[in-house]
PDB file of N, CA and C in Angstrom:
ATOM      1  N   MET A   1       8.354 -72.936  23.263  1.00  0.00           N
ATOM      2  CA  MET A   1       7.905 -72.760  21.422  1.00  0.00           C
ATOM      3  C   MET A   1       7.722 -71.323  21.299  1.00  0.00           C
ATOM      4  N   ALA A   2       7.867 -71.338  19.898  1.00  0.00           N
ATOM      5  CA  ALA A   2       8.165 -69.651  19.905  1.00  0.00           C
ATOM      6  C   ALA A   2       6.314 -69.550  19.405  1.00  0.00           C
ATOM      7  N   ALA A   3       6.450 -68.248  19.432  1.00  0.00           N
ATOM      8  CA  ALA A   3       5.281 -67.782  19.091  1.00  0.00           C
ATOM      9  C   ALA A   3       4.791 -67.928  18.321  1.00  0.00           C
ATOM     10  N   PRO A   4       3.012 -68.097  17.839  1.00  0.00           N
ATOM     11  CA  PRO A   4       2.224 -68.467  16.702  1.00  0.00           C
ATOM     12  C   PRO A   4       3.096 -67.461  15.480  1.00  0.00           C
ATOM     13  N   LEU A   5       2.617 -67.686  14.048  1.00  0.00           N
ATOM     14  CA  LEU A   5       3.487 -67.307  13.012  1.00  0.00           C
ATOM     15  C   LEU A   5       2.159 -67.096  11.977  1.00  0.00           C
ATOM     16  N   LEU A   6       1.112 -66.151  11.878  1.00  0.00           N
ATOM     17  CA  LEU A   6       0.194 -66.348  10.520  1.00  0.00           C
ATOM     18  C   LEU A   6       1.041 -65.438   9.540  1.00  0.00           C
ATOM     19  N   ASN A   7       1.017 -66.041   7.799  1.00  0.00           N
ATOM     20  CA  ASN A   7       1.359 -65.740   6.830  1.00  0.00           C
ATOM     21  C   ASN A   7      -0.098 -65.370   6.118  1.00  0.00           C
ATOM     22  N   THR A   8      -0.218 -64.154   5.545  1.00  0.00           N
ATOM     23  CA  THR A   8      -1.800 -63.867   5.359  1.00  0.00           C
ATOM     24  C   THR A   8      -1.401 -63.539   3.309  1.00  0.00           C
ATOM     25  N   TYR A   9      -2.318 -64.130   2.003  1.00  0.00           N
ATOM     26  CA  TYR A   9      -2.111 -64.173   0.980  1.00  0.00           C
ATOM     27  C   TYR A   9      -3.406 -63.368   0.226  1.00  0.00           C
ATOM     28  N   PHE A  10      -3.585 -62.137   0.063  1.00  0.00           N
ATOM     29  CA  PHE A  10      -5.004 -61.856  -0.746  1.00  0.00           C
ATOM     30  C   PHE A  10      -3.902 -60.700  -1.999  1.00  0.00           C
ATOM     31  N   THR A  11      -3.549 -61.305  -2.667  1.00  0.00           N
ATOM     32  CA  THR A  11      -2.994 -60.289  -4.059  1.00  0.00           C
ATOM     33  C   THR A  11      -3.054 -61.614  -5.231  1.00  0.00           C
ATOM     34  N   THR A  12      -2.529 -60.670  -5.936  1.00  0.00           N
ATOM     35  CA  THR A  12      -2.310 -61.679  -7.446  1.00  0.00           C
ATOM     36  C   THR A  12      -0.954 -62.054  -7.492  1.00  0.00           C
ATOM     37  N   PHE A  13      -0.834 -62.883  -7.980  1.00  0.00           N
ATOM     38  CA  PHE A  13       0.707 -63.447  -8.410  1.00  0.00           C
ATOM     39  C   PHE A  13       0.483 -63.864 -10.050  1.00  0.00           C
ATOM     40  N   THR A  14       1.833 -63.815 -10.731  1.00  0.00           N
ATOM     41  CA  THR A  14       2.312 -64.309 -11.842  1.00  0.00           C
ATOM     42  C   THR A  14       3.149 -65.336 -11.934  1.00  0.00           C
ATOM     43  N   THR A  15       2.930 -66.780 -12.315  1.00  0.00           N
ATOM     44  CA  THR A  15       3.354 -67.514 -12.646  1.00  0.00           C
ATOM     45  C   THR A  15       4.837 -68.020 -13.172  1.00  0.00           C
ATOM     46  N   ASP A  16       5.809 -68.332 -13.013  1.00  0.00           N
ATOM     47  CA  ASP A  16       6.709 -67.740 -13.933  1.00  0.00           C
ATOM     48  C   ASP A  16       6.479 -68.772 -14.668  1.00  0.00           C
ATOM     49  N   SER A  17       8.103 -69.252 -15.992  1.00  0.00           N
ATOM     50  CA  SER A  17       7.968 -69.445 -16.781  1.00  0.00           C
ATOM     51  C   SER A  17       7.567 -71.308 -16.768  1.00  0.00           C
ATOM     52  N   HIS A  18       7.494 -72.223 -15.803  1.00  0.00           N
ATOM     53  CA  HIS A  18       7.246 -73.333 -15.724  1.00  0.00           C
ATOM     54  C   HIS A  18       5.524 -73.411 -14.949  1.00  0.00           C
ATOM     55  N   GLY A  19       4.594 -72.267 -15.085  1.00  0.00           N
ATOM     56  CA  GLY A  19       3.532 -72.174 -14.610  1.00  0.00           C
ATOM     57  C   GLY A  19       3.837 -72.392 -12.555  1.00  0.00           C
ATOM     58  N   GLN A  20       4.746 -71.767 -12.092  1.00  0.00           N
ATOM     59  CA  GLN A  20       4.946 -72.080 -10.500  1.00  0.00           C
ATOM     60  C   GLN A  20       4.238 -70.543 -10.011  1.00  0.00           C
ATOM     61  N   VAL A  21       4.165 -70.830  -9.073  1.00  0.00           N
ATOM     62  CA  VAL A  21       4.601 -69.205  -7.944  1.00  0.00           C
ATOM     63  C   VAL A  21       4.878 -69.321  -6.760  1.00  0.00           C
ATOM     64  N   PHE A  22       5.931 -69.063  -6.330  1.00  0.00           N
ATOM     65  CA  PHE A  22       6.703 -69.777  -4.720  1.00  0.00           C
ATOM     66  C   PHE A  22       6.240 -68.572  -3.963  1.00  0.00           C
ATOM     67  N   LEU A  23       4.921 -69.410  -3.417  1.00  0.00           N
ATOM     68  CA  LEU A  23       4.303 -68.701  -2.432  1.00  0.00           C
ATOM     69  C   LEU A  23       4.539 -68.248  -0.964  1.00  0.00           C
ATOM     70  N   SER A  24       5.301 -68.950  -0.260  1.00  0.00           N
ATOM     71  CA  SER A  24       5.866 -68.302   0.876  1.00  0.00           C
ATOM     72  C   SER A  24       7.505 -67.975   0.968  1.00  0.00           C
ATOM     73  N   GLY A  25       8.060 -68.681  -0.207  1.00  0.00           N
ATOM     74  CA  GLY A  25       9.243 -68.620   0.538  1.00  0.00           C
ATOM     75  C   GLY A  25       9.664 -69.805   1.258  1.00  0.00           C
ATOM     76  N   ILE A  26      11.039 -69.974   1.588  1.00  0.00           N
ATOM     77  CA  ILE A  26      11.527 -70.894   2.700  1.00  0.00           C
ATOM     78  C   ILE A  26      11.183 -70.262   3.983  1.00  0.00           C
ATOM     79  N   LEU A  27      10.369 -71.253   5.273  1.00  0.00           N
ATOM     80  CA  LEU A  27      10.321 -70.738   6.008  1.00  0.00           C
ATOM     81  C   LEU A  27      10.742 -71.243   7.117  1.00  0.00           C
ATOM     82  N   ASP A  28      11.397 -70.744   8.197  1.00  0.00           N
ATOM     83  CA  ASP A  28      12.086 -71.515   9.428  1.00  0.00           C
ATOM     84  C   ASP A  28      11.075 -71.822  10.386  1.00  0.00           C
ATOM     85  N   VAL A  29      10.854 -73.421  10.646  1.00  0.00           N
ATOM     86  CA  VAL A  29       9.828 -74.084  11.075  1.00  0.00           C
ATOM     87  C   VAL A  29       9.993 -74.751  12.228  1.00  0.00           C
ATOM     88  N   LYS A  30      11.058 -74.980  12.374  1.00  0.00           N
ATOM     89  CA  LYS A  30      12.104 -75.801  13.676  1.00  0.00           C
ATOM     90  C   LYS A  30      11.363 -75.917  14.976  1.00  0.00           C
ATOM     91  N   ALA A  31      11.433 -74.627  15.702  1.00  0.00           N
ATOM     92  CA  ALA A  31      10.357 -74.260  16.645  1.00  0.00           C
ATOM     93  C   ALA A  31       8.731 -74.553  16.748  1.00  0.00           C
ATOM     94  N   TYR A  32       8.171 -75.232  15.961  1.00  0.00           N
ATOM     95  CA  TYR A  32       7.024 -75.048  16.098  1.00  0.00           C
ATOM     96  C   TYR A  32       6.636 -76.650  15.846  1.00  0.00           C
ATOM     97  N   ALA A  33       5.183 -76.746  16.072  1.00  0.00           N
ATOM     98  CA  ALA A  33       4.777 -78.148  15.774  1.00  0.00           C
ATOM     99  C   ALA A  33       3.648 -78.441  14.893  1.00  0.00           C
ATOM    100  N   THR A  34       2.978 -77.685  14.618  1.00  0.00           N
ATOM    101  CA  THR A  34       1.927 -77.761  13.203  1.00  0.00           C
ATOM    102  C   THR A  34       1.928 -76.133  12.037  1.00  0.00           C
ATOM    103  N   VAL A  35       1.376 -76.883  11.092  1.00  0.00           N
ATOM    104  CA  VAL A  35       1.411 -76.178  10.134  1.00  0.00           C
ATOM    105  C   VAL A  35      -0.002 -76.716   9.558  1.00  0.00           C
ATOM    106  N   ASN A  36      -0.508 -75.292   9.344  1.00  0.00           N
ATOM    107  CA  ASN A  36      -2.181 -75.157   8.961  1.00  0.00           C
ATOM    108  C   ASN A  36      -2.029 -74.279   7.862  1.00  0.00           C
ATOM    109  N   ILE A  37      -2.714 -74.702   6.414  1.00  0.00           N
ATOM    110  CA  ILE A  37      -2.860 -74.572   5.298  1.00  0.00           C
ATOM    111  C   ILE A  37      -3.733 -73.804   4.588  1.00  0.00           C
ATOM    112  N   GLU A  38      -4.303 -72.867   4.327  1.00  0.00           N
ATOM    113  CA  GLU A  38      -5.677 -72.445   3.204  1.00  0.00           C
ATOM    114  C   GLU A  38      -5.343 -71.847   1.692  1.00  0.00           C
ATOM    115  N   ILE A  39      -5.288 -72.120   1.052  1.00  0.00           N
ATOM    116  CA  ILE A  39      -4.845 -71.594  -0.042  1.00  0.00           C
ATOM    117  C   ILE A  39      -6.281 -71.643  -0.979  1.00  0.00           C
ATOM    118  N   THR A  40      -7.030 -70.268  -1.480  1.00  0.00           N
ATOM    119  CA  THR A  40      -8.143 -70.415  -2.932  1.00  0.00           C
ATOM    120  C   THR A  40      -7.352 -69.763  -3.717  1.00  0.00           C
ATOM    121  N   GLN A  41      -8.158 -69.765  -4.997  1.00  0.00           N
ATOM    122  CA  GLN A  41      -8.516 -68.980  -6.052  1.00  0.00           C
ATOM    123  C   GLN A  41      -9.537 -68.215  -5.645  1.00  0.00           C
ATOM    124  N   SER A  42      -8.897 -66.597  -6.100  1.00  0.00           N
ATOM    125  CA  SER A  42     -10.362 -65.956  -5.876  1.00  0.00           C
ATOM    126  C   SER A  42     -11.054 -65.419  -6.794  1.00  0.00           C
ATOM    127  N   THR A  43     -10.778 -64.461  -7.625  1.00  0.00           N
ATOM    128  CA  THR A  43     -11.511 -64.168  -8.659  1.00  0.00           C
ATOM    129  C   THR A  43     -11.238 -64.878  -9.912  1.00  0.00           C
ATOM    130  N   THR A  44     -10.129 -65.304  -9.996  1.00  0.00           N
ATOM    131  CA  THR A  44      -9.940 -66.489 -11.546  1.00  0.00           C
ATOM    132  C   THR A  44     -10.444 -67.561 -11.273  1.00  0.00           C
ATOM    133  N   SER A  45     -10.483 -68.346 -12.194  1.00  0.00           N
ATOM    134  CA  SER A  45     -10.092 -69.771 -12.057  1.00  0.00           C
ATOM    135  C   SER A  45      -9.054 -70.324 -12.979  1.00  0.00           C
ATOM    136  N   VAL A  46      -8.139 -70.677 -12.869  1.00  0.00           N
ATOM    137  CA  VAL A  46      -7.004 -71.122 -13.609  1.00  0.00           C
ATOM    138  C   VAL A  46      -7.020 -72.503 -13.454  1.00  0.00           C
ATOM    139  N   PRO A  47      -7.502 -73.815 -14.272  1.00  0.00           N
ATOM    140  CA  PRO A  47      -7.542 -75.007 -14.152  1.00  0.00           C
ATOM    141  C   PRO A  47      -6.106 -75.697 -13.572  1.00  0.00           C
ATOM    142  N   ASN A  48      -6.397 -76.735 -12.998  1.00  0.00           N
ATOM    143  CA  ASN A  48      -4.930 -77.483 -12.885  1.00  0.00           C
ATOM    144  C   ASN A  48      -3.816 -76.995 -11.804  1.00  0.00           C
ATOM    145  N   LEU A  49      -4.013 -75.979 -11.251  1.00  0.00           N
ATOM    146  CA  LEU A  49      -3.420 -75.551 -10.516  1.00  0.00           C
ATOM    147  C   LEU A  49      -3.288 -76.348  -9.035  1.00  0.00           C
ATOM    148  N   GLN A  50      -2.040 -76.700  -8.584  1.00  0.00           N
ATOM    149  CA  GLN A  50      -1.845 -77.313  -7.088  1.00  0.00           C
ATOM    150  C   GLN A  50      -0.954 -76.674  -5.980  1.00  0.00           C
ATOM    151  N   VAL A  51      -1.348 -76.872  -4.807  1.00  0.00           N
ATOM    152  CA  VAL A  51      -0.441 -76.613  -3.656  1.00  0.00           C
ATOM    153  C   VAL A  51       0.447 -77.569  -3.455  1.00  0.00           C
ATOM    154  N   LEU A  52       1.588 -77.130  -3.612  1.00  0.00           N
ATOM    155  CA  LEU A  52       2.587 -78.123  -3.159  1.00  0.00           C
ATOM    156  C   LEU A  52       2.989 -77.814  -1.842  1.00  0.00           C
ATOM    157  N   VAL A  53       3.384 -78.747  -0.979  1.00  0.00           N
ATOM    158  CA  VAL A  53       3.876 -78.232   0.470  1.00  0.00           C
ATOM    159  C   VAL A  53       4.904 -79.441   0.813  1.00  0.00           C
ATOM    160  N   LEU A  54       6.407 -78.788   0.634  1.00  0.00           N
ATOM    161  CA  LEU A  54       7.878 -79.274   1.016  1.00  0.00           C
ATOM    162  C   LEU A  54       7.843 -78.653   2.307  1.00  0.00           C
ATOM    163  N   MET A  55       8.520 -79.704   3.206  1.00  0.00           N
ATOM    164  CA  MET A  55       9.165 -79.709   4.030  1.00  0.00           C
ATOM    165  C   MET A  55      10.716 -80.650   4.318  1.00  0.00           C
ATOM    166  N   GLY A  56      11.894 -79.911   5.153  1.00  0.00           N
ATOM    167  CA  GLY A  56      12.904 -80.702   5.239  1.00  0.00           C
ATOM    168  C   GLY A  56      14.206 -79.766   5.298  1.00  0.00           C
ATOM    169  N   LYS A  57      15.162 -79.650   5.126  1.00  0.00           N
ATOM    170  CA  LYS A  57      15.957 -79.020   4.965  1.00  0.00           C
ATOM    171  C   LYS A  57      16.405 -78.272   3.544  1.00  0.00           C
ATOM    172  N   LEU A  58      15.985 -77.097   3.246  1.00  0.00           N
ATOM    173  CA  LEU A  58      15.078 -76.415   2.086  1.00  0.00           C
ATOM    174  C   LEU A  58      15.960 -75.085   1.354  1.00  0.00           C
ATOM    175  N   SER A  59      16.721 -74.955   2.085  1.00  0.00           N
ATOM    176  CA  SER A  59      18.091 -73.792   1.573  1.00  0.00           C
ATOM    177  C   SER A  59      18.902 -74.774   1.539  1.00  0.00           C
ATOM    178  N   GLY A  60      20.190 -73.922   0.729  1.00  0.00           N
ATOM    179  CA  GLY A  60      21.100 -74.063   0.836  1.00  0.00           C
ATOM    180  C   GLY A  60      21.430 -75.787   0.116  1.00  0.00           C
ATOM    181  N   THR A  61      22.243 -76.825   0.251  1.00  0.00           N
ATOM    182  CA  THR A  61      22.248 -77.975  -0.047  1.00  0.00           C
ATOM    183  C   THR A  61      21.295 -78.901   0.463  1.00  0.00           C
ATOM    184  N   THR A  62      20.178 -79.324  -0.368  1.00  0.00           N
ATOM    185  CA  THR A  62      18.412 -79.348   0.199  1.00  0.00           C
ATOM    186  C   THR A  62      18.426 -80.825   0.294  1.00  0.00           C
ATOM    187  N   VAL A  63      17.877 -81.507   1.742  1.00  0.00           N
ATOM    188  CA  VAL A  63      17.595 -82.584   1.629  1.00  0.00           C
ATOM    189  C   VAL A  63      15.692 -82.755   2.386  1.00  0.00           C
ATOM    190  N   GLY A  64      15.189 -82.380   1.301  1.00  0.00           N
ATOM    191  CA  GLY A  64      13.643 -82.345   1.737  1.00  0.00           C
ATOM    192  C   GLY A  64      12.799 -83.414   0.910  1.00  0.00           C
ATOM    193  N   GLN A  65      11.646 -83.026   1.287  1.00  0.00           N
ATOM    194  CA  GLN A  65      10.060 -83.904   0.277  1.00  0.00           C
ATOM    195  C   GLN A  65       9.784 -83.120   0.112  1.00  0.00           C
ATOM    196  N   GLU A  66       8.250 -83.341  -0.453  1.00  0.00           N
ATOM    197  CA  GLU A  66       6.822 -82.931  -0.450  1.00  0.00           C
ATOM    198  C   GLU A  66       6.258 -84.147   0.340  1.00  0.00           C
ATOM    199  N   ILE A  67       5.413 -83.073   1.210  1.00  0.00           N
ATOM    200  CA  ILE A  67       4.496 -83.731   2.176  1.00  0.00           C
ATOM    201  C   ILE A  67       3.015 -83.593   2.323  1.00  0.00           C
ATOM    202  N   GLY A  68       2.371 -82.649   1.171  1.00  0.00           N
ATOM    203  CA  GLY A  68       1.073 -82.653   0.535  1.00  0.00           C
ATOM    204  C   GLY A  68       0.962 -81.751  -0.341  1.00  0.00           C
ATOM    205  N   ARG A  69       0.033 -82.332  -1.263  1.00  0.00           N
ATOM    206  CA  ARG A  69      -0.265 -81.711  -2.473  1.00  0.00           C
ATOM    207  C   ARG A  69      -1.950 -81.782  -2.774  1.00  0.00           C
ATOM    208  N   PHE A  70      -2.310 -80.423  -3.110  1.00  0.00           N
ATOM    209  CA  PHE A  70      -4.010 -80.508  -2.955  1.00  0.00           C
ATOM    210  C   PHE A  70      -4.061 -78.991  -4.036  1.00  0.00           C
ATOM    211  N   PRO A  71      -5.414 -78.912  -4.682  1.00  0.00           N
ATOM    212  CA  PRO A  71      -6.062 -78.255  -5.275  1.00  0.00           C
ATOM    213  C   PRO A  71      -6.548 -77.057  -4.202  1.00  0.00           C
ATOM    214  N   PRO A  72      -6.328 -75.646  -5.090  1.00  0.00           N
ATOM    215  CA  PRO A  72      -6.702 -74.491  -4.241  1.00  0.00           C
ATOM    216  C   PRO A  72      -8.227 -74.854  -3.505  1.00  0.00           C
ATOM    217  N   SER A  73      -8.683 -74.919  -2.452  1.00  0.00           N
ATOM    218  CA  SER A  73      -9.942 -74.673  -1.786  1.00  0.00           C
ATOM    219  C   SER A  73     -10.185 -74.407  -0.853  1.00  0.00           C
ATOM    220  N   ALA A  74     -11.270 -74.305  -0.714  1.00  0.00           N
ATOM    221  CA  ALA A  74     -11.770 -73.598   0.929  1.00  0.00           C
ATOM    222  C   ALA A  74     -11.538 -74.430   2.030  1.00  0.00           C
ATOM    223  N   GLN A  75     -10.598 -75.431   2.191  1.00  0.00           N
ATOM    224  CA  GLN A  75     -10.497 -76.523   2.898  1.00  0.00           C
ATOM    225  C   GLN A  75      -8.642 -76.342   3.737  1.00  0.00           C
ATOM    226  N   ILE A  76      -8.936 -76.433   4.988  1.00  0.00           N
ATOM    227  CA  ILE A  76      -7.372 -75.880   5.834  1.00  0.00           C
ATOM    228  C   ILE A  76      -6.871 -77.726   6.028  1.00  0.00           C
ATOM    229  N   HIS A  77      -5.678 -77.286   5.228  1.00  0.00           N
ATOM    230  CA  HIS A  77      -4.854 -78.947   5.699  1.00  0.00           C
ATOM    231  C   HIS A  77      -3.786 -78.699   6.680  1.00  0.00           C
ATOM    232  N   SER A  78      -3.707 -79.415   7.170  1.00  0.00           N
ATOM    233  CA  SER A  78      -3.146 -79.667   8.800  1.00  0.00           C
ATOM    234  C   SER A  78      -1.912 -80.748   8.395  1.00  0.00           C
ATOM    235  N   PHE A  79      -0.333 -80.240   9.099  1.00  0.00           N
ATOM    236  CA  PHE A  79       0.873 -81.231   8.611  1.00  0.00           C
ATOM    237  C   PHE A  79       1.294 -80.733  10.151  1.00  0.00           C
ATOM    238  N   PRO A  80       2.166 -82.475  10.765  1.00  0.00           N
ATOM    239  CA  PRO A  80       2.931 -81.939  11.858  1.00  0.00           C
ATOM    240  C   PRO A  80       4.073 -81.372  10.715  1.00  0.00           C
ATOM    241  N   VAL A  81       4.840 -80.656  11.986  1.00  0.00           N
ATOM    242  CA  VAL A  81       6.914 -80.386  11.576  1.00  0.00           C
ATOM    243  C   VAL A  81       7.435 -81.548  11.468  1.00  0.00           C
ATOM    244  N   VAL A  82       8.313 -81.895  10.501  1.00  0.00           N
ATOM    245  CA  VAL A  82       8.551 -83.366  10.382  1.00  0.00           C
ATOM    246  C   VAL A  82      10.311 -82.812   9.857  1.00  0.00           C
ATOM    247  N   GLY A  83      10.562 -81.385   9.873  1.00  0.00           N
ATOM    248  CA  GLY A  83      11.724 -81.140   9.244  1.00  0.00           C
ATOM    249  C   GLY A  83      12.153 -79.643   9.948  1.00  0.00           C
ATOM    250  N   PRO A  84      13.170 -79.079   9.899  1.00  0.00           N
ATOM    251  CA  PRO A  84      13.411 -77.520   9.816  1.00  0.00           C
ATOM    252  C   PRO A  84      12.759 -76.385   9.089  1.00  0.00           C
ATOM    253  N   GLU A  85      12.284 -76.936   7.799  1.00  0.00           N
ATOM    254  CA  GLU A  85      11.839 -75.398   6.929  1.00  0.00           C
ATOM    255  C   GLU A  85      10.857 -75.798   6.341  1.00  0.00           C
ATOM    256  N   LEU A  86       9.876 -75.409   5.398  1.00  0.00           N
ATOM    257  CA  LEU A  86       8.797 -75.244   4.878  1.00  0.00           C
ATOM    258  C   LEU A  86       8.803 -74.587   3.673  1.00  0.00           C
ATOM    259  N   ASN A  87       8.587 -74.661   3.021  1.00  0.00           N
ATOM    260  CA  ASN A  87       8.136 -74.048   1.258  1.00  0.00           C
ATOM    261  C   ASN A  87       7.062 -74.676   0.986  1.00  0.00           C
ATOM    262  N   VAL A  88       5.962 -73.230   0.437  1.00  0.00           N
ATOM    263  CA  VAL A  88       4.703 -73.594  -0.558  1.00  0.00           C
ATOM    264  C   VAL A  88       4.549 -73.067  -1.360  1.00  0.00           C
ATOM    265  N   ILE A  89       4.741 -73.795  -2.481  1.00  0.00           N
ATOM    266  CA  ILE A  89       4.622 -73.493  -4.256  1.00  0.00           C
ATOM    267  C   ILE A  89       3.024 -73.857  -4.725  1.00  0.00           C
ATOM    268  N   VAL A  90       2.924 -72.996  -5.599  1.00  0.00           N
ATOM    269  CA  VAL A  90       1.963 -73.162  -6.348  1.00  0.00           C
ATOM    270  C   VAL A  90       2.172 -73.896  -8.139  1.00  0.00           C
ATOM    271  N   VAL A  91       1.712 -74.793  -8.344  1.00  0.00           N
ATOM    272  CA  VAL A  91       2.282 -75.502  -9.399  1.00  0.00           C
ATOM    273  C   VAL A  91       1.330 -75.776 -10.334  1.00  0.00           C
ATOM    274  N   GLY A  92       1.730 -76.049 -11.470  1.00  0.00           N
ATOM    275  CA  GLY A  92       0.519 -76.561 -12.648  1.00  0.00           C
ATOM    276  C   GLY A  92       0.160 -75.545 -13.407  1.00  0.00           C
ATOM    277  N   GLY A  93      -0.012 -74.719 -13.360  1.00  0.00           N
ATOM    278  CA  GLY A  93      -0.923 -73.599 -14.131  1.00  0.00           C
ATOM    279  C   GLY A  93       0.491 -73.171 -15.469  1.00  0.00           C
ATOM    280  N   PRO A  94      -0.432 -72.581 -16.089  1.00  0.00           N
ATOM    281  CA  PRO A  94       0.284 -71.882 -17.433  1.00  0.00           C
ATOM    282  C   PRO A  94       1.489 -70.773 -17.268  1.00  0.00           C
ATOM    283  N   PRO A  95       1.938 -70.574 -17.805  1.00  0.00           N
ATOM    284  CA  PRO A  95       3.514 -70.217 -17.734  1.00  0.00           C
ATOM    285  C   PRO A  95       2.842 -68.498 -17.926  1.00  0.00           C
ATOM    286  N   ASN A  96       3.578 -68.020 -17.387  1.00  0.00           N
ATOM    287  CA  ASN A  96       3.111 -65.997 -17.552  1.00  0.00           C
ATOM    288  C   ASN A  96       1.995 -65.973 -17.079  1.00  0.00           C
ATOM    289  N   THR A  97       0.784 -66.591 -16.035  1.00  0.00           N
ATOM    290  CA  THR A  97      -0.540 -66.397 -16.146  1.00  0.00           C
ATOM    291  C   THR A  97      -1.000 -65.427 -14.518  1.00  0.00           C
ATOM    292  N   VAL A  98      -1.759 -64.641 -14.810  1.00  0.00           N
ATOM    293  CA  VAL A  98      -1.720 -63.640 -13.701  1.00  0.00           C
ATOM    294  C   VAL A  98      -2.420 -65.155 -12.821  1.00  0.00           C
ATOM    295  N   VAL A  99      -2.534 -64.797 -11.289  1.00  0.00           N
ATOM    296  CA  VAL A  99      -3.746 -66.201 -10.896  1.00  0.00           C
ATOM    297  C   VAL A  99      -3.999 -65.146  -9.484  1.00  0.00           C
ATOM    298  N   ALA A 100      -5.153 -64.846  -9.112  1.00  0.00           N
ATOM    299  CA  ALA A 100      -5.541 -64.214  -7.899  1.00  0.00           C
ATOM    300  C   ALA A 100      -5.864 -65.251  -7.005  1.00  0.00           C
ATOM    301  N   MET A 101      -5.095 -65.290  -5.913  1.00  0.00           N
ATOM    302  CA  MET A 101      -5.361 -66.062  -4.608  1.00  0.00           C
ATOM    303  C   MET A 101      -5.587 -64.798  -3.409  1.00  0.00           C
ATOM    304  N   GLU A 102      -6.114 -66.341  -2.165  1.00  0.00           N
ATOM    305  CA  GLU A 102      -6.417 -65.787  -0.964  1.00  0.00           C
ATOM    306  C   GLU A 102      -5.996 -66.597  -0.178  1.00  0.00           C
ATOM    307  N   GLY A 103      -5.420 -66.562   1.036  1.00  0.00           N
ATOM    308  CA  GLY A 103      -4.712 -67.511   2.054  1.00  0.00           C
ATOM    309  C   GLY A 103      -4.468 -67.193   2.885  1.00  0.00           C
ATOM    310  N   TRP A 104      -3.872 -68.692   3.578  1.00  0.00           N
ATOM    311  CA  TRP A 104      -2.855 -67.674   5.032  1.00  0.00           C
ATOM    312  C   TRP A 104      -2.429 -69.418   5.509  1.00  0.00           C
ATOM    313  N   ILE A 105      -1.193 -68.973   6.204  1.00  0.00           N
ATOM    314  CA  ILE A 105      -0.106 -70.110   6.474  1.00  0.00           C
ATOM    315  C   ILE A 105      -0.303 -70.143   8.041  1.00  0.00           C
ATOM    316  N   PHE A 106      -0.840 -70.410   8.736  1.00  0.00           N
ATOM    317  CA  PHE A 106      -0.377 -70.364  10.336  1.00  0.00           C
ATOM    318  C   PHE A 106       0.586 -71.620  11.001  1.00  0.00           C
ATOM    319  N   ILE A 107       1.296 -71.209  11.590  1.00  0.00           N
ATOM    320  CA  ILE A 107       2.227 -71.888  12.313  1.00  0.00           C
ATOM    321  C   ILE A 107       2.391 -71.783  13.771  1.00  0.00           C
ATOM    322  N   HIS A 108       2.298 -72.931  14.042  1.00  0.00           N
ATOM    323  CA  HIS A 108       2.151 -73.185  15.642  1.00  0.00           C
ATOM    324  C   HIS A 108       3.043 -74.124  16.374  1.00  0.00           C
TER     325      HIS A 108
END
């Protein structure tokens, strides 16, 4: 098994024209067993945001699905690895809006 991978986010993002932030990009997780995620809003509160977790074959021709959706909060969400790739996207915000977020993705 691969060494654990930890991505941390303590920054501001600007939502795109669809109100989304592509937080993690596509991550290769096939050598891992579990993904733990905690994403919160820090200083600003943008209503209606949801953290969308996708897993499967997500690069190139895609065959994947949503495996989780939750509001940004100080709660850890755990998922078994059931596909080769992972992507975490924040959705539901107003277009072109600055959102301050803190969080982490721990893959082990």
